[in-house]
């Protein structure tokens, strides 16, 4: 039987984990995660990792596989995930890949360019610049140093802006210089499915998920990691808003409201990314 990788994509809180488990049980196979927030073993509640019970139902790979102190990127993930997938194909005809990190899914399915590692000090400087002055200086610098990439990048995604700028500063060349767009060929077929819900239902699910996280102890989890807030892994929705609360810049009520708002915006960016991939077949839940 032909080997096939079923990719289950979609925004946060849309229900990918439950649907992936259903598919994995149907095909008697295992799940490979493509959710970069769930890679960090120290983070649990705020990244909505599959529960212990869910992981007991079906084996999940790349959940809690690295530390928040580790340096990790899409290229490394693509290499490691493909090794796991090829191993799984020795005993399974179908493997499920699921997650909301579009860049990681694309790196695995299509390949990724060899982009040089950046100086950690430069990354630190750029993150400090963003923390102090916001996103505008990052946008202006990238427009000057790499107008070609600036034309196509999500200009509100500070993580991508910083990644491009750290390469520009470290190498002295535009980030676009290293982006060749060479697609790789695989020994297996890739079938991409996207799941979506109505806007109203997704907002309701996001709000409920955040409320559940608070009840499960998200505030305490975030407080534990507050001394490490400078780490890139913690500069993410669900933690950074509570860090503002710990610093007395917002009320707890406002911090929780900000988590919901920023999660909705994150979901919108995810869908914008996935909608560009015309090979995804969409299913409404």
Protein backbone atom coordinates (compact mmCIF):
# COMPACT_ATOMS: atom_id res chain seq x y z
CA UNK A 1 0.00 0.00 0.00
CA UNK A 2 1.18 3.49 -0.84
CA UNK A 3 2.56 5.36 2.17
CA UNK A 4 0.75 8.59 2.95
CA UNK A 5 1.13 11.48 5.33
CA UNK A 6 -2.16 13.10 6.29
CA UNK A 7 -1.60 16.71 7.31
CA UNK A 8 -4.32 18.14 9.53
CA UNK A 9 -3.99 21.92 9.67
CA UNK A 10 -6.02 24.73 11.15
CA UNK A 11 -6.03 27.55 13.64
CA UNK A 12 -5.62 27.32 17.38
CA UNK A 13 -8.67 26.03 19.32
CA UNK A 14 -10.38 24.73 16.17
CA UNK A 15 -10.24 21.11 17.37
CA UNK A 16 -7.17 19.64 15.63
CA UNK A 17 -6.08 17.45 18.54
CA UNK A 18 -9.40 15.63 18.86
CA UNK A 19 -9.74 15.14 15.12
CA UNK A 20 -6.12 13.94 14.79
CA UNK A 21 -6.69 11.35 17.50
CA UNK A 22 -9.83 10.14 15.71
CA UNK A 23 -7.89 9.77 12.46
CA UNK A 24 -4.94 8.08 14.15
CA UNK A 25 -7.24 5.52 15.78
CA UNK A 26 -9.02 4.90 12.47
CA UNK A 27 -5.73 4.20 10.70
CA UNK A 28 -4.07 2.53 13.74
CA UNK A 29 -1.17 4.92 13.53
CA UNK A 30 0.66 7.67 15.44
CA UNK A 31 0.66 11.47 15.47
CA UNK A 32 3.53 13.85 14.70
CA UNK A 33 2.98 17.34 16.08
CA UNK A 34 3.68 20.47 14.07
CA UNK A 35 2.78 22.91 16.81
CA UNK A 36 5.99 24.73 17.72
CA UNK A 37 4.54 26.04 21.00
CA UNK A 38 3.96 22.49 22.21
CA UNK A 39 7.57 21.42 21.62
CA UNK A 40 8.70 22.87 24.97
CA UNK A 41 8.56 20.31 27.76
CA UNK A 42 8.34 22.92 30.52
CA UNK A 43 5.20 24.57 29.12
CA UNK A 44 1.89 22.78 29.57
CA UNK A 45 -1.25 24.81 30.23
CA UNK A 46 -0.53 27.94 28.21
CA UNK A 47 0.31 26.08 25.00
CA UNK A 48 -2.68 23.69 25.18
CA UNK A 49 -0.55 20.56 24.91
CA UNK A 50 -2.39 17.26 24.46
CA UNK A 51 -3.37 15.96 27.87
CA UNK A 52 -1.82 12.89 29.47
CA UNK A 53 -5.04 11.04 28.68
CA UNK A 54 -4.96 12.11 25.01
CA UNK A 55 -1.34 11.06 24.66
CA UNK A 56 -2.23 7.72 26.24
CA UNK A 57 -4.89 7.17 23.56
CA UNK A 58 -2.47 7.71 20.67
CA UNK A 59 1.28 8.17 20.73
CA UNK A 60 2.31 11.77 19.97
CA UNK A 61 5.76 12.75 18.71
CA UNK A 62 7.27 16.23 19.15
CA UNK A 63 5.27 17.17 22.21
CA UNK A 64 7.57 18.28 25.01
CA UNK A 65 10.63 17.17 23.05
CA UNK A 66 12.87 20.20 23.70
CA UNK A 67 13.55 22.71 26.47
CA UNK A 68 12.70 26.40 26.54
CA UNK A 69 16.47 26.91 26.79
CA UNK A 70 17.15 25.10 23.49
CA UNK A 71 17.66 26.77 20.14
CA UNK A 72 15.28 25.25 17.60
CA UNK A 73 14.01 26.19 14.16
CA UNK A 74 11.91 24.94 11.27
CA UNK A 75 14.88 23.44 9.40
CA UNK A 76 15.91 21.33 12.39
CA UNK A 77 12.33 20.27 12.93
CA UNK A 78 11.90 19.24 9.29
CA UNK A 79 15.00 17.04 9.44
CA UNK A 80 14.07 15.39 12.74
CA UNK A 81 10.37 14.99 11.93
CA UNK A 82 11.09 13.38 8.55
CA UNK A 83 13.34 10.86 10.28
CA UNK A 84 10.52 9.94 12.66
CA UNK A 85 7.97 9.76 9.83
CA UNK A 86 10.19 7.49 7.73
CA UNK A 87 10.64 5.22 10.75
CA UNK A 88 6.89 5.11 11.35
CA UNK A 89 6.31 4.16 7.73
CA UNK A 90 8.19 0.93 8.34
CA UNK A 91 5.25 -0.30 10.43
CA UNK A 92 2.40 2.00 9.35
CA UNK A 93 0.93 2.88 5.96
CA UNK A 94 -0.45 6.21 7.22
CA UNK A 95 0.97 8.83 9.58
CA UNK A 96 -0.89 11.87 10.91
CA UNK A 97 0.84 15.26 11.07
CA UNK A 98 -1.09 17.99 12.86
CA UNK A 99 -0.48 21.49 14.12
CA UNK A 100 -0.96 25.17 13.58
CA UNK A 101 2.62 26.21 12.81
CA UNK A 102 2.43 26.85 9.08
CA UNK A 103 6.14 27.43 8.60
CA UNK A 104 7.01 24.11 10.25
CA UNK A 105 4.46 22.23 8.14
CA UNK A 106 5.77 23.84 4.98
CA UNK A 107 9.37 23.09 5.95
CA UNK A 108 8.54 19.43 6.35
CA UNK A 109 6.32 19.07 3.29
CA UNK A 110 8.14 21.31 0.82
CA UNK A 111 11.64 21.68 2.26
CA UNK A 112 13.33 24.74 3.63
CA UNK A 113 16.29 26.80 2.54
CA UNK A 114 19.58 26.62 4.37
CA UNK A 115 19.52 29.88 6.33
CA UNK A 116 22.54 30.65 8.52
CA UNK A 117 22.24 30.71 12.28
CA UNK A 118 22.27 34.18 13.79
CA UNK A 119 24.32 35.58 16.62
CA UNK A 120 22.29 35.15 19.86
CA UNK A 121 23.41 38.62 20.92
CA UNK A 122 21.82 40.12 17.82
CA UNK A 123 18.59 38.28 18.55
CA UNK A 124 18.66 39.63 22.09
CA UNK A 125 19.20 43.18 20.83
CA UNK A 126 16.30 42.91 18.38
CA UNK A 127 13.97 41.53 21.04
CA UNK A 128 14.93 44.35 23.38
CA UNK A 129 14.29 46.86 20.60
CA UNK A 130 10.84 45.38 20.05
CA UNK A 131 10.09 45.40 23.79
CA UNK A 132 11.06 49.06 24.13
CA UNK A 133 9.88 50.64 20.87
CA UNK A 134 7.40 48.21 19.36
CA UNK A 135 7.20 46.76 15.90
CA UNK A 136 7.74 49.91 13.80
CA UNK A 137 11.58 50.04 14.07
CA UNK A 138 11.73 46.39 12.98
CA UNK A 139 9.54 47.13 9.98
CA UNK A 140 11.60 50.15 8.97
CA UNK A 141 14.92 48.34 9.26
CA UNK A 142 13.71 45.35 7.24
CA UNK A 143 12.25 47.65 4.57
CA UNK A 144 15.71 49.21 4.22
CA UNK A 145 17.82 46.04 4.39
CA UNK A 146 15.60 43.62 2.46
CA UNK A 147 12.78 45.31 0.50
CA UNK A 148 12.08 42.12 -1.46
CA UNK A 149 11.27 40.10 1.66
CA UNK A 150 9.55 43.08 3.27
CA UNK A 151 7.04 43.09 0.40
CA UNK A 152 5.84 39.56 1.17
CA UNK A 153 6.35 39.09 4.93
CA UNK A 154 3.52 39.41 7.45
CA UNK A 155 4.52 42.87 8.66
CA UNK A 156 2.68 42.44 11.98
CA UNK A 157 4.50 39.22 12.87
CA UNK A 158 7.42 40.46 14.95
CA UNK A 159 8.93 36.97 15.20
CA UNK A 160 9.38 36.76 11.42
CA UNK A 161 10.67 40.32 11.28
CA UNK A 162 13.24 39.58 13.97
CA UNK A 163 14.28 36.31 12.29
CA UNK A 164 14.88 38.10 8.99
CA UNK A 165 16.73 40.99 10.61
CA UNK A 166 19.02 38.79 12.68
CA UNK A 167 20.10 37.05 9.45
CA UNK A 168 20.57 40.42 7.70
CA UNK A 169 22.67 41.77 10.55
CA UNK A 170 24.69 38.57 11.06
CA UNK A 171 25.44 37.79 7.41
CA UNK A 172 25.48 41.26 5.89
CA UNK A 173 23.16 39.92 3.17
CA UNK A 174 19.39 40.23 2.68
CA UNK A 175 17.31 37.46 4.19
CA UNK A 176 15.75 36.89 0.75
CA UNK A 177 19.23 35.98 -0.57
CA UNK A 178 19.00 32.67 1.30
CA UNK A 179 15.40 31.91 0.29
CA UNK A 180 15.65 29.85 -2.90
CA UNK A 181 12.31 28.08 -2.66
CA UNK A 182 13.50 24.65 -3.81
CA UNK A 183 10.78 22.04 -3.24
CA UNK A 184 11.85 18.60 -2.05
CA UNK A 185 10.45 15.29 -3.24
CA UNK A 186 9.27 12.62 -0.80
CA UNK A 187 8.86 8.87 -1.06
CA UNK A 188 5.32 9.17 0.30
CA UNK A 189 2.17 10.99 -0.70
CA UNK A 190 1.02 14.05 1.23
CA UNK A 191 -2.69 14.73 1.71
CA UNK A 192 -3.50 18.06 3.36
CA UNK A 193 -6.75 18.61 5.21
CA UNK A 194 -7.75 21.84 6.90
CA UNK A 195 -10.45 22.10 9.54
CA UNK A 196 -12.39 25.27 10.16
CA UNK A 197 -15.35 26.57 12.12
CA UNK A 198 -17.56 29.62 11.86
CA UNK A 199 -16.02 32.81 13.20
CA UNK A 200 -18.55 32.99 16.03
CA UNK A 201 -17.94 29.41 17.14
CA UNK A 202 -14.15 29.78 16.99
CA UNK A 203 -14.28 32.93 19.12
CA UNK A 204 -16.45 31.11 21.64
CA UNK A 205 -14.03 28.17 21.72
CA UNK A 206 -11.03 30.48 22.17
CA UNK A 207 -12.68 32.36 25.03
CA UNK A 208 -13.70 29.12 26.72
CA UNK A 209 -10.23 27.64 26.30
CA UNK A 210 -8.63 30.68 27.96
CA UNK A 211 -11.11 30.51 30.84
CA UNK A 212 -10.31 26.81 31.25
CA UNK A 213 -6.58 27.55 31.25
CA UNK A 214 -7.02 30.07 34.04
CA UNK A 215 -8.98 27.52 36.06
CA UNK A 216 -6.30 24.88 35.43
CA UNK A 217 -3.56 27.12 36.83
CA UNK A 218 -2.18 29.22 33.97
CA UNK A 219 -1.49 32.18 36.27
CA UNK A 220 0.64 30.01 38.56
CA UNK A 221 2.42 28.44 35.58
CA UNK A 222 3.21 31.86 34.11
CA UNK A 223 4.43 33.15 37.47
CA UNK A 224 6.85 30.22 37.69
CA UNK A 225 8.42 31.24 34.38
CA UNK A 226 8.31 35.00 34.91
CA UNK A 227 12.05 35.18 35.80
CA UNK A 228 12.74 33.63 32.37
CA UNK A 229 10.48 35.97 30.40
CA UNK A 230 13.43 37.07 28.24
CA UNK A 231 13.51 33.64 26.55
CA UNK A 232 12.04 33.52 23.05
CA UNK A 233 9.89 30.53 23.98
CA UNK A 234 8.06 32.62 26.57
CA UNK A 235 7.45 35.59 24.31
CA UNK A 236 4.15 34.07 23.29
CA UNK A 237 0.41 34.45 23.80
CA UNK A 238 -0.80 33.27 27.18
CA UNK A 239 2.37 34.12 29.04
CA UNK A 240 3.44 37.60 27.94
CA UNK A 241 0.04 39.06 28.86
CA UNK A 242 0.33 37.67 32.39
CA UNK A 243 3.87 38.97 32.65
CA UNK A 244 2.37 42.44 32.14
CA UNK A 245 0.01 41.72 35.04
CA UNK A 246 2.89 40.65 37.27
CA UNK A 247 4.58 43.97 36.47
CA UNK A 248 1.42 45.85 37.49
CA UNK A 249 0.97 47.44 34.07
CA UNK A 250 -2.50 45.87 33.61
CA UNK A 251 -5.13 44.33 35.85
CA UNK A 252 -5.66 40.58 35.92
CA UNK A 253 -9.01 41.04 34.21
CA UNK A 254 -7.36 43.03 31.42
CA UNK A 255 -4.54 40.50 31.09
CA UNK A 256 -7.03 37.69 30.58
CA UNK A 257 -8.95 39.81 28.08
CA UNK A 258 -5.68 40.45 26.22
CA UNK A 259 -4.96 36.72 26.05
CA UNK A 260 -8.32 36.16 24.39
CA UNK A 261 -7.84 39.06 21.98
CA UNK A 262 -4.29 38.07 21.03
CA UNK A 263 -5.31 34.44 20.60
CA UNK A 264 -8.05 35.50 18.19
CA UNK A 265 -5.53 37.58 16.24
CA UNK A 266 -3.09 34.65 16.23
CA UNK A 267 -5.82 32.36 14.87
CA UNK A 268 -6.54 34.87 12.12
CA UNK A 269 -2.87 34.97 11.11
CA UNK A 270 -2.75 31.18 11.04
CA UNK A 271 -5.73 31.00 8.70
CA UNK A 272 -4.26 33.68 6.45
CA UNK A 273 -1.13 31.54 6.13
CA UNK A 274 -2.98 28.27 5.47
CA UNK A 275 -5.42 29.80 3.00
CA UNK A 276 -2.47 30.58 0.73
CA UNK A 277 -1.83 26.84 0.38
CA UNK A 278 -4.18 25.75 -2.41
CA UNK A 279 -3.37 22.07 -1.84
CA UNK A 280 -5.30 22.06 1.46
CA UNK A 281 -8.82 20.60 1.29
CA UNK A 282 -11.00 22.35 3.84
CA UNK A 283 -13.60 20.70 6.06
CA UNK A 284 -16.08 22.63 8.21
CA UNK A 285 -16.86 21.26 11.66
